[in-house]
Amino acid sequence: MRRFTVIGAGSFGYYAAKALYENKNEVIVIDRSKDRIQAIDPYCTSAIVQDATDIEALKGLGLEEMDAVIVSTGANITPSILICFHLNRLEIKQIIIKAEDDDHGEILKQLGATEVIRPGMDMAGRLALRLTSPNILEFLPLAEGYTIAQVEPPKPFVGKSLMELELRKRYQVNVIAVKEQFPERFIMVPGAEFVVKENDILVTIGKETDLAKIRELK
């Protein structure tokens, strides 16, 4: 189980926290609004009414133990800038912050944000899937709910053929190509007899919810 903190339970933060929680992660949500905390409470591990712009309030929450801290504080850029500054001082290893525009994003990067993202409900869901599934490297959204994704093979996949893995039957996911690293080559529509190697990259197509199931494989 991976652990995340979401600071700000507005639209983006709400959907990001909910998606992370539904993917079986531990999720702590922090917001200064009691109403927002009450709304997100059923969809997270813990919901805390707290002012995250106060560094003293952030200390003792165990944020340094999180896999990532996601910050989404609304159109007023001042709180996100201050929170980013505090998180960097607390040596948080992965700080992901929603930016309102390019200038805001550049400021956040200078203050220590490891990743800056732009608003959108669909982006919140894709961010949650990517954080939950570190073996999924890159997404290309298609029709609603469907994605082409580059996937690092989980250990149970290595040494098995695509026929043995039965990805379509078990996960409703299809392998449409493979990037081999050694030797370096690209295989379009690999045959059922293709044996997956540790350093291969599988190019897959399927629903985001089905791709998320692969994350549970170690």
N, C-alpha and C. Protein backbone atom coordinates (compact mmCIF):
# COMPACT_ATOMS: atom_id res chain seq x y z
N MET A 1 0.84 -1.20 0.00
CA MET A 1 0.00 0.00 0.00
C MET A 1 0.87 1.25 0.00
N ARG A 2 0.56 2.18 -0.90
CA ARG A 2 1.30 3.43 -0.96
C ARG A 2 0.56 4.49 -0.16
N ARG A 3 1.29 5.53 0.25
CA ARG A 3 0.73 6.53 1.16
C ARG A 3 0.85 7.93 0.54
N PHE A 4 -0.25 8.68 0.59
CA PHE A 4 -0.28 10.00 -0.02
C PHE A 4 -1.01 10.98 0.90
N THR A 5 -0.59 12.24 0.81
CA THR A 5 -1.32 13.33 1.46
C THR A 5 -1.77 14.30 0.38
N VAL A 6 -3.03 14.70 0.44
CA VAL A 6 -3.58 15.70 -0.48
C VAL A 6 -3.91 16.94 0.34
N ILE A 7 -3.28 18.05 -0.01
CA ILE A 7 -3.55 19.33 0.67
C ILE A 7 -4.45 20.16 -0.23
N GLY A 8 -5.65 20.41 0.24
CA GLY A 8 -6.64 21.13 -0.54
C GLY A 8 -7.69 20.17 -1.08
N ALA A 9 -8.93 20.30 -0.61
CA ALA A 9 -9.99 19.37 -1.00
C ALA A 9 -11.02 20.03 -1.89
N GLY A 10 -10.55 20.96 -2.74
CA GLY A 10 -11.43 21.52 -3.76
C GLY A 10 -11.67 20.48 -4.84
N SER A 11 -12.11 20.91 -6.01
CA SER A 11 -12.48 19.97 -7.06
C SER A 11 -11.34 19.02 -7.43
N PHE A 12 -10.17 19.57 -7.76
CA PHE A 12 -9.04 18.74 -8.17
C PHE A 12 -8.58 17.84 -7.02
N GLY A 13 -8.38 18.42 -5.85
CA GLY A 13 -7.92 17.64 -4.70
C GLY A 13 -8.90 16.55 -4.31
N TYR A 14 -10.19 16.87 -4.39
CA TYR A 14 -11.24 15.90 -4.06
C TYR A 14 -11.15 14.68 -4.97
N TYR A 15 -11.09 14.92 -6.28
CA TYR A 15 -11.07 13.80 -7.22
C TYR A 15 -9.76 13.03 -7.17
N ALA A 16 -8.64 13.73 -6.93
CA ALA A 16 -7.36 13.04 -6.81
C ALA A 16 -7.35 12.14 -5.58
N ALA A 17 -7.81 12.67 -4.44
CA ALA A 17 -7.85 11.88 -3.21
C ALA A 17 -8.78 10.69 -3.35
N LYS A 18 -9.95 10.91 -3.91
CA LYS A 18 -10.94 9.84 -4.07
C LYS A 18 -10.40 8.73 -4.97
N ALA A 19 -9.76 9.11 -6.08
CA ALA A 19 -9.21 8.12 -7.00
C ALA A 19 -8.08 7.33 -6.35
N LEU A 20 -7.22 8.00 -5.61
CA LEU A 20 -6.13 7.31 -4.91
C LEU A 20 -6.69 6.33 -3.89
N TYR A 21 -7.69 6.76 -3.15
CA TYR A 21 -8.29 5.91 -2.11
C TYR A 21 -8.98 4.70 -2.73
N GLU A 22 -9.67 4.91 -3.84
CA GLU A 22 -10.37 3.81 -4.51
C GLU A 22 -9.39 2.80 -5.10
N ASN A 23 -8.13 3.23 -5.30
CA ASN A 23 -7.10 2.32 -5.77
C ASN A 23 -6.31 1.70 -4.62
N LYS A 24 -6.94 1.70 -3.43
CA LYS A 24 -6.43 0.97 -2.26
C LYS A 24 -5.14 1.57 -1.71
N ASN A 25 -5.05 2.89 -1.70
CA ASN A 25 -3.92 3.56 -1.08
C ASN A 25 -4.36 4.21 0.22
N GLU A 26 -3.39 4.49 1.09
CA GLU A 26 -3.67 5.28 2.28
C GLU A 26 -3.63 6.75 1.88
N VAL A 27 -4.69 7.49 2.17
CA VAL A 27 -4.79 8.88 1.73
C VAL A 27 -5.21 9.76 2.90
N ILE A 28 -4.39 10.76 3.19
CA ILE A 28 -4.71 11.77 4.20
C ILE A 28 -5.03 13.06 3.47
N VAL A 29 -6.14 13.70 3.81
CA VAL A 29 -6.54 14.95 3.18
C VAL A 29 -6.54 16.06 4.22
N ILE A 30 -5.96 17.20 3.83
CA ILE A 30 -5.89 18.37 4.71
C ILE A 30 -6.54 19.56 4.01
N ASP A 31 -7.42 20.24 4.72
CA ASP A 31 -8.05 21.45 4.18
C ASP A 31 -8.50 22.30 5.37
N ARG A 32 -8.49 23.62 5.17
CA ARG A 32 -8.92 24.50 6.26
C ARG A 32 -10.45 24.59 6.37
N SER A 33 -11.16 24.10 5.33
CA SER A 33 -12.61 24.17 5.32
C SER A 33 -13.23 22.91 5.93
N LYS A 34 -14.02 23.09 6.96
CA LYS A 34 -14.70 21.96 7.61
C LYS A 34 -15.68 21.30 6.64
N ASP A 35 -16.37 22.09 5.83
CA ASP A 35 -17.33 21.54 4.88
C ASP A 35 -16.65 20.63 3.85
N ARG A 36 -15.51 21.07 3.34
CA ARG A 36 -14.78 20.25 2.36
C ARG A 36 -14.26 18.97 3.00
N ILE A 37 -13.80 19.07 4.22
CA ILE A 37 -13.31 17.88 4.92
C ILE A 37 -14.44 16.89 5.15
N GLN A 38 -15.61 17.38 5.50
CA GLN A 38 -16.76 16.49 5.69
C GLN A 38 -17.15 15.81 4.38
N ALA A 39 -17.01 16.53 3.26
CA ALA A 39 -17.38 15.97 1.95
C ALA A 39 -16.42 14.86 1.52
N ILE A 40 -15.13 15.03 1.80
CA ILE A 40 -14.14 14.05 1.35
C ILE A 40 -13.95 12.92 2.35
N ASP A 41 -14.41 13.08 3.56
CA ASP A 41 -14.15 12.11 4.63
C ASP A 41 -14.48 10.66 4.27
N PRO A 42 -15.60 10.38 3.56
CA PRO A 42 -15.89 8.98 3.22
C PRO A 42 -14.94 8.38 2.19
N TYR A 43 -14.14 9.23 1.54
CA TYR A 43 -13.31 8.77 0.42
C TYR A 43 -11.82 8.91 0.70
N CYS A 44 -11.44 8.84 1.97
CA CYS A 44 -10.02 8.90 2.32
C CYS A 44 -9.80 8.18 3.64
N THR A 45 -8.54 7.96 3.97
CA THR A 45 -8.21 7.28 5.22
C THR A 45 -8.41 8.20 6.41
N SER A 46 -8.00 9.45 6.24
CA SER A 46 -8.12 10.43 7.32
C SER A 46 -8.29 11.81 6.72
N ALA A 47 -9.22 12.60 7.27
CA ALA A 47 -9.48 13.96 6.79
C ALA A 47 -9.27 14.92 7.96
N ILE A 48 -8.41 15.92 7.75
CA ILE A 48 -7.99 16.80 8.84
C ILE A 48 -8.29 18.25 8.51
N VAL A 49 -8.97 18.95 9.41
CA VAL A 49 -9.16 20.39 9.27
C VAL A 49 -7.91 21.07 9.79
N GLN A 50 -7.16 21.70 8.88
CA GLN A 50 -5.88 22.29 9.27
C GLN A 50 -5.47 23.34 8.25
N ASP A 51 -4.76 24.36 8.70
CA ASP A 51 -4.23 25.39 7.82
C ASP A 51 -2.82 24.98 7.40
N ALA A 52 -2.68 24.51 6.16
CA ALA A 52 -1.40 23.98 5.70
C ALA A 52 -0.38 25.07 5.39
N THR A 53 -0.79 26.34 5.44
CA THR A 53 0.19 27.42 5.24
C THR A 53 1.00 27.66 6.51
N ASP A 54 0.62 27.02 7.60
CA ASP A 54 1.33 27.12 8.88
C ASP A 54 2.28 25.93 9.00
N ILE A 55 3.58 26.17 8.93
CA ILE A 55 4.54 25.07 8.95
C ILE A 55 4.45 24.28 10.25
N GLU A 56 4.11 24.94 11.34
CA GLU A 56 3.99 24.23 12.61
C GLU A 56 2.85 23.22 12.57
N ALA A 57 1.80 23.55 11.80
CA ALA A 57 0.67 22.63 11.67
C ALA A 57 1.05 21.40 10.84
N LEU A 58 2.01 21.57 9.92
CA LEU A 58 2.43 20.47 9.07
C LEU A 58 3.37 19.51 9.79
N LYS A 59 4.12 20.05 10.73
CA LYS A 59 5.06 19.21 11.48
C LYS A 59 4.27 18.19 12.32
N GLY A 60 4.77 17.02 12.41
CA GLY A 60 4.12 16.00 13.22
C GLY A 60 3.06 15.21 12.50
N LEU A 61 2.79 15.55 11.22
CA LEU A 61 1.78 14.81 10.45
C LEU A 61 2.39 13.62 9.71
N GLY A 62 3.71 13.48 9.81
CA GLY A 62 4.37 12.36 9.14
C GLY A 62 4.45 12.50 7.64
N LEU A 63 4.46 13.73 7.14
CA LEU A 63 4.48 13.94 5.69
C LEU A 63 5.74 13.40 5.04
N GLU A 64 6.83 13.37 5.80
CA GLU A 64 8.09 12.86 5.24
C GLU A 64 8.03 11.37 4.94
N GLU A 65 7.02 10.68 5.48
CA GLU A 65 6.87 9.25 5.23
C GLU A 65 5.96 8.95 4.04
N MET A 66 5.38 9.99 3.45
CA MET A 66 4.46 9.80 2.34
C MET A 66 5.22 9.53 1.03
N ASP A 67 4.59 8.78 0.15
CA ASP A 67 5.17 8.58 -1.18
C ASP A 67 5.10 9.87 -1.99
N ALA A 68 4.09 10.69 -1.74
CA ALA A 68 3.98 11.99 -2.39
C ALA A 68 2.99 12.85 -1.63
N VAL A 69 3.20 14.17 -1.71
CA VAL A 69 2.24 15.14 -1.19
C VAL A 69 1.72 15.94 -2.39
N ILE A 70 0.41 15.96 -2.55
CA ILE A 70 -0.24 16.65 -3.67
C ILE A 70 -0.90 17.91 -3.13
N VAL A 71 -0.64 19.04 -3.76
CA VAL A 71 -1.16 20.32 -3.29
C VAL A 71 -2.07 20.94 -4.35
N SER A 72 -3.29 21.26 -3.95
CA SER A 72 -4.26 21.90 -4.85
C SER A 72 -5.09 22.87 -4.03
N THR A 73 -4.71 24.15 -4.08
CA THR A 73 -5.30 25.11 -3.14
C THR A 73 -6.13 26.21 -3.79
N GLY A 74 -6.53 26.07 -5.05
CA GLY A 74 -7.43 27.05 -5.64
C GLY A 74 -6.71 28.12 -6.44
N ALA A 75 -7.50 29.11 -6.91
CA ALA A 75 -6.99 30.13 -7.83
C ALA A 75 -6.03 31.11 -7.18
N ASN A 76 -6.15 31.32 -5.88
CA ASN A 76 -5.22 32.20 -5.17
C ASN A 76 -3.88 31.48 -5.05
N ILE A 77 -2.85 32.01 -5.71
CA ILE A 77 -1.58 31.28 -5.78
C ILE A 77 -0.74 31.39 -4.51
N THR A 78 -1.04 32.36 -3.65
CA THR A 78 -0.21 32.59 -2.46
C THR A 78 -0.13 31.37 -1.54
N PRO A 79 -1.27 30.72 -1.19
CA PRO A 79 -1.16 29.55 -0.30
C PRO A 79 -0.30 28.44 -0.88
N SER A 80 -0.43 28.15 -2.18
CA SER A 80 0.35 27.05 -2.76
C SER A 80 1.84 27.37 -2.73
N ILE A 81 2.20 28.62 -2.95
CA ILE A 81 3.61 29.03 -2.90
C ILE A 81 4.16 28.83 -1.49
N LEU A 82 3.40 29.26 -0.50
CA LEU A 82 3.85 29.13 0.89
C LEU A 82 3.93 27.67 1.31
N ILE A 83 2.94 26.88 0.91
CA ILE A 83 2.94 25.45 1.26
C ILE A 83 4.12 24.74 0.60
N CYS A 84 4.39 25.06 -0.66
CA CYS A 84 5.53 24.46 -1.36
C CYS A 84 6.83 24.78 -0.63
N PHE A 85 6.97 26.02 -0.22
CA PHE A 85 8.16 26.44 0.52
C PHE A 85 8.31 25.63 1.81
N HIS A 86 7.20 25.46 2.55
CA HIS A 86 7.24 24.69 3.80
C HIS A 86 7.57 23.22 3.54
N LEU A 87 6.95 22.63 2.53
CA LEU A 87 7.19 21.21 2.24
C LEU A 87 8.64 20.96 1.86
N ASN A 88 9.22 21.89 1.13
CA ASN A 88 10.63 21.76 0.77
C ASN A 88 11.52 21.84 2.01
N ARG A 89 11.18 22.73 2.93
CA ARG A 89 11.93 22.84 4.19
C ARG A 89 11.80 21.56 5.01
N LEU A 90 10.66 20.89 4.90
CA LEU A 90 10.44 19.65 5.64
C LEU A 90 11.03 18.44 4.91
N GLU A 91 11.66 18.69 3.76
CA GLU A 91 12.36 17.67 2.98
C GLU A 91 11.42 16.55 2.52
N ILE A 92 10.24 16.95 2.04
CA ILE A 92 9.31 15.99 1.46
C ILE A 92 9.88 15.51 0.13
N LYS A 93 9.90 14.20 -0.09
CA LYS A 93 10.62 13.66 -1.25
C LYS A 93 9.92 13.90 -2.57
N GLN A 94 8.59 13.93 -2.59
CA GLN A 94 7.88 14.18 -3.85
C GLN A 94 6.75 15.17 -3.59
N ILE A 95 6.88 16.36 -4.18
CA ILE A 95 5.89 17.43 -4.01
C ILE A 95 5.25 17.70 -5.37
N ILE A 96 3.96 17.41 -5.47
CA ILE A 96 3.22 17.61 -6.72
C ILE A 96 2.20 18.71 -6.50
N ILE A 97 2.28 19.79 -7.29
CA ILE A 97 1.43 20.95 -7.03
C ILE A 97 0.70 21.39 -8.30
N LYS A 98 -0.57 21.71 -8.14
CA LYS A 98 -1.37 22.24 -9.24
C LYS A 98 -1.05 23.72 -9.43
N ALA A 99 -0.71 24.09 -10.66
CA ALA A 99 -0.40 25.48 -10.98
C ALA A 99 -1.52 26.10 -11.81
N GLU A 100 -1.72 27.39 -11.63
CA GLU A 100 -2.77 28.10 -12.37
C GLU A 100 -2.31 28.55 -13.75
N ASP A 101 -1.01 28.80 -13.90
CA ASP A 101 -0.47 29.20 -15.20
C ASP A 101 1.03 28.90 -15.22
N ASP A 102 1.68 29.22 -16.34
CA ASP A 102 3.09 28.89 -16.51
C ASP A 102 3.98 29.62 -15.50
N ASP A 103 3.69 30.90 -15.25
CA ASP A 103 4.51 31.67 -14.30
C ASP A 103 4.40 31.09 -12.90
N HIS A 104 3.18 30.76 -12.51
CA HIS A 104 2.95 30.14 -11.20
C HIS A 104 3.73 28.82 -11.10
N GLY A 105 3.68 28.03 -12.17
CA GLY A 105 4.39 26.76 -12.18
C GLY A 105 5.89 26.94 -12.06
N GLU A 106 6.44 27.95 -12.71
CA GLU A 106 7.88 28.20 -12.65
C GLU A 106 8.30 28.59 -11.24
N ILE A 107 7.49 29.40 -10.57
CA ILE A 107 7.77 29.78 -9.18
C ILE A 107 7.79 28.55 -8.29
N LEU A 108 6.80 27.67 -8.48
CA LEU A 108 6.72 26.46 -7.66
C LEU A 108 7.93 25.56 -7.88
N LYS A 109 8.40 25.45 -9.11
CA LYS A 109 9.59 24.65 -9.39
C LYS A 109 10.81 25.22 -8.69
N GLN A 110 10.92 26.55 -8.71
CA GLN A 110 12.05 27.20 -8.06
C GLN A 110 12.03 26.98 -6.55
N LEU A 111 10.83 26.78 -6.00
CA LEU A 111 10.68 26.58 -4.56
C LEU A 111 10.79 25.12 -4.15
N GLY A 112 10.98 24.22 -5.12
CA GLY A 112 11.22 22.83 -4.77
C GLY A 112 10.17 21.83 -5.19
N ALA A 113 9.15 22.26 -5.94
CA ALA A 113 8.15 21.30 -6.42
C ALA A 113 8.82 20.30 -7.36
N THR A 114 8.58 19.02 -7.16
CA THR A 114 9.17 18.01 -8.03
C THR A 114 8.35 17.83 -9.31
N GLU A 115 7.07 18.21 -9.25
CA GLU A 115 6.21 18.12 -10.43
C GLU A 115 5.12 19.17 -10.34
N VAL A 116 4.87 19.84 -11.46
CA VAL A 116 3.80 20.85 -11.54
C VAL A 116 2.79 20.38 -12.57
N ILE A 117 1.51 20.41 -12.21
CA ILE A 117 0.46 19.95 -13.11
C ILE A 117 -0.57 21.05 -13.28
N ARG A 118 -1.38 20.92 -14.33
CA ARG A 118 -2.43 21.89 -14.61
C ARG A 118 -3.78 21.31 -14.23
N PRO A 119 -4.78 22.18 -13.99
CA PRO A 119 -6.07 21.71 -13.46
C PRO A 119 -6.82 20.80 -14.42
N GLY A 120 -7.82 20.09 -13.86
CA GLY A 120 -8.71 19.26 -14.65
C GLY A 120 -9.09 18.00 -13.92
N MET A 121 -10.37 17.66 -13.93
CA MET A 121 -10.84 16.46 -13.25
C MET A 121 -10.22 15.21 -13.85
N ASP A 122 -10.10 15.18 -15.21
CA ASP A 122 -9.52 14.01 -15.85
C ASP A 122 -8.06 13.88 -15.48
N MET A 123 -7.35 15.02 -15.35
CA MET A 123 -5.96 14.99 -14.94
C MET A 123 -5.82 14.44 -13.52
N ALA A 124 -6.78 14.76 -12.65
CA ALA A 124 -6.74 14.26 -11.28
C ALA A 124 -6.79 12.73 -11.28
N GLY A 125 -7.67 12.16 -12.10
CA GLY A 125 -7.78 10.71 -12.18
C GLY A 125 -6.53 10.07 -12.75
N ARG A 126 -5.96 10.67 -13.79
CA ARG A 126 -4.75 10.11 -14.40
C ARG A 126 -3.56 10.23 -13.46
N LEU A 127 -3.49 11.34 -12.72
CA LEU A 127 -2.41 11.49 -11.74
C LEU A 127 -2.50 10.40 -10.69
N ALA A 128 -3.71 10.14 -10.20
CA ALA A 128 -3.90 9.10 -9.19
C ALA A 128 -3.47 7.74 -9.72
N LEU A 129 -3.83 7.43 -10.96
CA LEU A 129 -3.45 6.14 -11.55
C LEU A 129 -1.94 6.04 -11.69
N ARG A 130 -1.30 7.13 -12.13
CA ARG A 130 0.16 7.09 -12.33
C ARG A 130 0.89 6.93 -11.00
N LEU A 131 0.44 7.63 -9.96
CA LEU A 131 1.09 7.53 -8.66
C LEU A 131 0.86 6.16 -8.04
N THR A 132 -0.33 5.63 -8.24
CA THR A 132 -0.67 4.33 -7.70
C THR A 132 0.07 3.22 -8.44
N SER A 133 0.37 3.44 -9.71
CA SER A 133 0.96 2.41 -10.56
C SER A 133 2.32 2.87 -11.08
N PRO A 134 3.37 2.82 -10.25
CA PRO A 134 4.67 3.32 -10.68
C PRO A 134 5.28 2.55 -11.84
N ASN A 135 4.76 1.33 -12.11
CA ASN A 135 5.27 0.57 -13.25
C ASN A 135 4.62 0.99 -14.56
N ILE A 136 3.62 1.89 -14.50
CA ILE A 136 3.03 2.45 -15.72
C ILE A 136 3.73 3.77 -16.01
N LEU A 137 4.44 3.84 -17.13
CA LEU A 137 5.38 4.92 -17.36
C LEU A 137 4.77 6.12 -18.08
N GLU A 138 3.85 5.88 -18.99
CA GLU A 138 3.36 6.98 -19.82
C GLU A 138 1.95 6.66 -20.30
N PHE A 139 1.10 7.70 -20.37
CA PHE A 139 -0.29 7.52 -20.76
C PHE A 139 -0.60 8.30 -22.03
N LEU A 140 -1.52 7.76 -22.83
CA LEU A 140 -2.10 8.50 -23.95
C LEU A 140 -3.61 8.27 -23.88
N PRO A 141 -4.36 9.23 -23.31
CA PRO A 141 -5.81 9.05 -23.18
C PRO A 141 -6.48 8.91 -24.54
N LEU A 142 -7.44 7.99 -24.64
CA LEU A 142 -8.20 7.78 -25.87
C LEU A 142 -9.65 8.16 -25.61
N ALA A 143 -10.59 7.29 -25.98
CA ALA A 143 -11.98 7.52 -25.65
C ALA A 143 -12.13 7.48 -24.13
N GLU A 144 -13.27 7.94 -23.66
CA GLU A 144 -13.48 8.06 -22.22
C GLU A 144 -13.17 6.75 -21.50
N GLY A 145 -12.23 6.82 -20.55
CA GLY A 145 -11.90 5.66 -19.74
C GLY A 145 -10.82 4.77 -20.32
N TYR A 146 -10.44 4.97 -21.58
CA TYR A 146 -9.44 4.11 -22.22
C TYR A 146 -8.12 4.85 -22.40
N THR A 147 -7.03 4.08 -22.33
CA THR A 147 -5.69 4.66 -22.36
C THR A 147 -4.72 3.71 -23.04
N ILE A 148 -3.75 4.29 -23.76
CA ILE A 148 -2.57 3.54 -24.18
C ILE A 148 -1.47 3.86 -23.15
N ALA A 149 -0.87 2.83 -22.58
CA ALA A 149 0.11 3.05 -21.52
C ALA A 149 1.34 2.19 -21.75
N GLN A 150 2.51 2.76 -21.44
CA GLN A 150 3.76 2.00 -21.44
C GLN A 150 3.96 1.45 -20.03
N VAL A 151 4.14 0.14 -19.95
CA VAL A 151 4.15 -0.53 -18.65
C VAL A 151 5.44 -1.33 -18.47
N GLU A 152 6.09 -1.15 -17.33
CA GLU A 152 7.20 -2.01 -16.96
C GLU A 152 6.63 -3.33 -16.45
N PRO A 153 7.11 -4.46 -16.92
CA PRO A 153 6.52 -5.74 -16.50
C PRO A 153 6.70 -6.00 -15.01
N PRO A 154 5.62 -6.28 -14.28
CA PRO A 154 5.77 -6.73 -12.90
C PRO A 154 6.51 -8.06 -12.87
N LYS A 155 7.08 -8.41 -11.75
CA LYS A 155 7.88 -9.64 -11.65
C LYS A 155 7.14 -10.89 -12.10
N PRO A 156 5.82 -11.03 -11.79
CA PRO A 156 5.12 -12.25 -12.25
C PRO A 156 5.03 -12.38 -13.77
N PHE A 157 5.25 -11.27 -14.50
CA PHE A 157 5.18 -11.33 -15.96
C PHE A 157 6.48 -11.85 -16.58
N VAL A 158 7.59 -11.63 -15.89
CA VAL A 158 8.92 -11.90 -16.46
C VAL A 158 9.12 -13.40 -16.66
N GLY A 159 9.59 -13.75 -17.87
CA GLY A 159 9.86 -15.14 -18.19
C GLY A 159 8.66 -15.91 -18.70
N LYS A 160 7.52 -15.23 -18.83
CA LYS A 160 6.31 -15.89 -19.32
C LYS A 160 5.93 -15.33 -20.69
N SER A 161 5.28 -16.17 -21.48
CA SER A 161 4.82 -15.73 -22.79
C SER A 161 3.50 -14.98 -22.64
N LEU A 162 3.16 -14.21 -23.67
CA LEU A 162 1.88 -13.50 -23.64
C LEU A 162 0.71 -14.48 -23.58
N MET A 163 0.90 -15.65 -24.18
CA MET A 163 -0.15 -16.68 -24.11
C MET A 163 -0.36 -17.12 -22.67
N GLU A 164 0.74 -17.33 -21.95
CA GLU A 164 0.64 -17.77 -20.55
C GLU A 164 0.04 -16.68 -19.67
N LEU A 165 0.37 -15.43 -19.96
CA LEU A 165 -0.11 -14.32 -19.12
C LEU A 165 -1.61 -14.08 -19.27
N GLU A 166 -2.15 -14.33 -20.46
CA GLU A 166 -3.59 -14.15 -20.71
C GLU A 166 -4.07 -12.78 -20.23
N LEU A 167 -3.38 -11.72 -20.65
CA LEU A 167 -3.70 -10.38 -20.16
C LEU A 167 -5.09 -9.93 -20.57
N ARG A 168 -5.51 -10.30 -21.76
CA ARG A 168 -6.85 -9.90 -22.20
C ARG A 168 -7.92 -10.57 -21.34
N LYS A 169 -7.72 -11.85 -21.04
CA LYS A 169 -8.71 -12.60 -20.26
C LYS A 169 -8.71 -12.16 -18.79
N ARG A 170 -7.51 -11.96 -18.23
CA ARG A 170 -7.41 -11.67 -16.80
C ARG A 170 -7.63 -10.19 -16.45
N TYR A 171 -7.15 -9.29 -17.34
CA TYR A 171 -7.18 -7.87 -17.01
C TYR A 171 -7.90 -7.01 -18.04
N GLN A 172 -8.37 -7.61 -19.14
CA GLN A 172 -9.00 -6.86 -20.24
C GLN A 172 -8.03 -5.82 -20.81
N VAL A 173 -6.75 -6.19 -20.84
CA VAL A 173 -5.69 -5.32 -21.35
C VAL A 173 -5.00 -6.04 -22.51
N ASN A 174 -4.73 -5.32 -23.60
CA ASN A 174 -4.06 -5.89 -24.77
C ASN A 174 -2.67 -5.29 -24.93
N VAL A 175 -1.70 -6.13 -25.27
CA VAL A 175 -0.35 -5.67 -25.59
C VAL A 175 -0.28 -5.44 -27.09
N ILE A 176 -0.08 -4.18 -27.49
CA ILE A 176 -0.07 -3.86 -28.92
C ILE A 176 1.34 -3.69 -29.47
N ALA A 177 2.32 -3.59 -28.58
CA ALA A 177 3.72 -3.48 -29.02
C ALA A 177 4.63 -3.73 -27.83
N VAL A 178 5.90 -3.98 -28.12
CA VAL A 178 6.90 -4.17 -27.07
C VAL A 178 8.16 -3.40 -27.45
N LYS A 179 8.70 -2.65 -26.49
CA LYS A 179 10.02 -2.03 -26.67
C LYS A 179 11.05 -2.90 -25.97
N GLU A 180 11.88 -3.57 -26.76
CA GLU A 180 12.96 -4.36 -26.18
C GLU A 180 14.17 -3.47 -25.97
N GLN A 181 14.82 -3.62 -24.82
CA GLN A 181 16.00 -2.80 -24.51
C GLN A 181 17.29 -3.48 -24.94
N PHE A 182 17.35 -4.80 -24.82
CA PHE A 182 18.56 -5.56 -25.15
C PHE A 182 18.17 -6.80 -25.97
N PRO A 183 18.38 -6.79 -27.30
CA PRO A 183 18.84 -5.65 -28.12
C PRO A 183 17.72 -4.63 -28.27
N GLU A 184 18.08 -3.41 -28.59
CA GLU A 184 17.09 -2.35 -28.69
C GLU A 184 16.31 -2.47 -30.00
N ARG A 185 15.02 -2.75 -29.88
CA ARG A 185 14.15 -2.83 -31.06
C ARG A 185 12.70 -2.69 -30.62
N PHE A 186 11.84 -2.40 -31.59
CA PHE A 186 10.42 -2.17 -31.34
C PHE A 186 9.62 -3.22 -32.09
N ILE A 187 8.81 -3.98 -31.37
CA ILE A 187 8.03 -5.07 -31.97
C ILE A 187 6.56 -4.69 -31.98
N MET A 188 5.99 -4.54 -33.16
CA MET A 188 4.57 -4.25 -33.28
C MET A 188 3.76 -5.54 -33.20
N VAL A 189 2.70 -5.52 -32.43
CA VAL A 189 1.77 -6.65 -32.28
C VAL A 189 2.54 -7.96 -32.07
N PRO A 190 3.19 -8.11 -30.93
CA PRO A 190 3.95 -9.34 -30.66
C PRO A 190 3.04 -10.56 -30.64
N GLY A 191 3.58 -11.69 -31.07
CA GLY A 191 2.81 -12.92 -31.09
C GLY A 191 2.59 -13.50 -29.70
N ALA A 192 1.68 -14.45 -29.62
CA ALA A 192 1.34 -15.06 -28.33
C ALA A 192 2.53 -15.77 -27.71
N GLU A 193 3.50 -16.18 -28.53
CA GLU A 193 4.67 -16.90 -28.03
C GLU A 193 5.74 -15.97 -27.47
N PHE A 194 5.56 -14.65 -27.63
CA PHE A 194 6.58 -13.70 -27.15
C PHE A 194 6.76 -13.83 -25.64
N VAL A 195 8.02 -13.97 -25.21
CA VAL A 195 8.34 -14.12 -23.79
C VAL A 195 8.80 -12.77 -23.23
N VAL A 196 8.17 -12.33 -22.17
CA VAL A 196 8.45 -11.03 -21.57
C VAL A 196 9.75 -11.08 -20.77
N LYS A 197 10.61 -10.09 -21.00
CA LYS A 197 11.88 -9.99 -20.28
C LYS A 197 11.82 -8.82 -19.29
N GLU A 198 12.70 -8.84 -18.32
CA GLU A 198 12.67 -7.86 -17.23
C GLU A 198 12.77 -6.42 -17.72
N ASN A 199 13.58 -6.18 -18.75
CA ASN A 199 13.82 -4.82 -19.22
C ASN A 199 12.90 -4.39 -20.37
N ASP A 200 11.95 -5.24 -20.73
CA ASP A 200 11.01 -4.87 -21.79
C ASP A 200 10.05 -3.79 -21.30
N ILE A 201 9.53 -3.02 -22.25
CA ILE A 201 8.44 -2.08 -21.98
C ILE A 201 7.24 -2.53 -22.80
N LEU A 202 6.14 -2.83 -22.12
CA LEU A 202 4.94 -3.28 -22.81
C LEU A 202 4.06 -2.08 -23.14
N VAL A 203 3.70 -1.95 -24.41
CA VAL A 203 2.78 -0.90 -24.83
C VAL A 203 1.39 -1.52 -24.84
N THR A 204 0.54 -1.05 -23.93
CA THR A 204 -0.76 -1.69 -23.71
C THR A 204 -1.90 -0.74 -24.00
N ILE A 205 -3.08 -1.32 -24.22
CA ILE A 205 -4.29 -0.53 -24.38
C ILE A 205 -5.38 -1.17 -23.54
N GLY A 206 -6.13 -0.34 -22.83
CA GLY A 206 -7.21 -0.85 -21.99
C GLY A 206 -7.84 0.26 -21.19
N LYS A 207 -8.80 -0.09 -20.36
CA LYS A 207 -9.42 0.89 -19.49
C LYS A 207 -8.45 1.26 -18.37
N GLU A 208 -8.51 2.52 -17.93
CA GLU A 208 -7.63 2.96 -16.86
C GLU A 208 -7.84 2.12 -15.60
N THR A 209 -9.08 1.74 -15.34
CA THR A 209 -9.37 0.94 -14.15
C THR A 209 -8.74 -0.45 -14.24
N ASP A 210 -8.69 -1.01 -15.46
CA ASP A 210 -8.07 -2.33 -15.63
C ASP A 210 -6.55 -2.24 -15.56
N LEU A 211 -5.99 -1.18 -16.13
CA LEU A 211 -4.54 -0.99 -16.03
C LEU A 211 -4.11 -0.85 -14.58
N ALA A 212 -4.98 -0.24 -13.77
CA ALA A 212 -4.64 -0.05 -12.36
C ALA A 212 -4.49 -1.38 -11.63
N LYS A 213 -5.16 -2.42 -12.11
CA LYS A 213 -5.07 -3.73 -11.45
C LYS A 213 -3.65 -4.29 -11.54
N ILE A 214 -2.94 -3.91 -12.59
CA ILE A 214 -1.57 -4.42 -12.77
C ILE A 214 -0.66 -3.92 -11.65
N ARG A 215 -1.02 -2.76 -11.07
CA ARG A 215 -0.18 -2.19 -10.01
C ARG A 215 -0.11 -3.11 -8.79
N GLU A 216 -1.12 -3.96 -8.61
CA GLU A 216 -1.16 -4.82 -7.44
C GLU A 216 -0.18 -5.98 -7.54
N LEU A 217 0.37 -6.16 -8.73
CA LEU A 217 1.33 -7.24 -8.93
C LEU A 217 2.71 -6.75 -8.56
N LYS A 218 3.42 -7.48 -7.75
CA LYS A 218 4.75 -7.08 -7.29
C LYS A 218 5.83 -7.79 -8.10
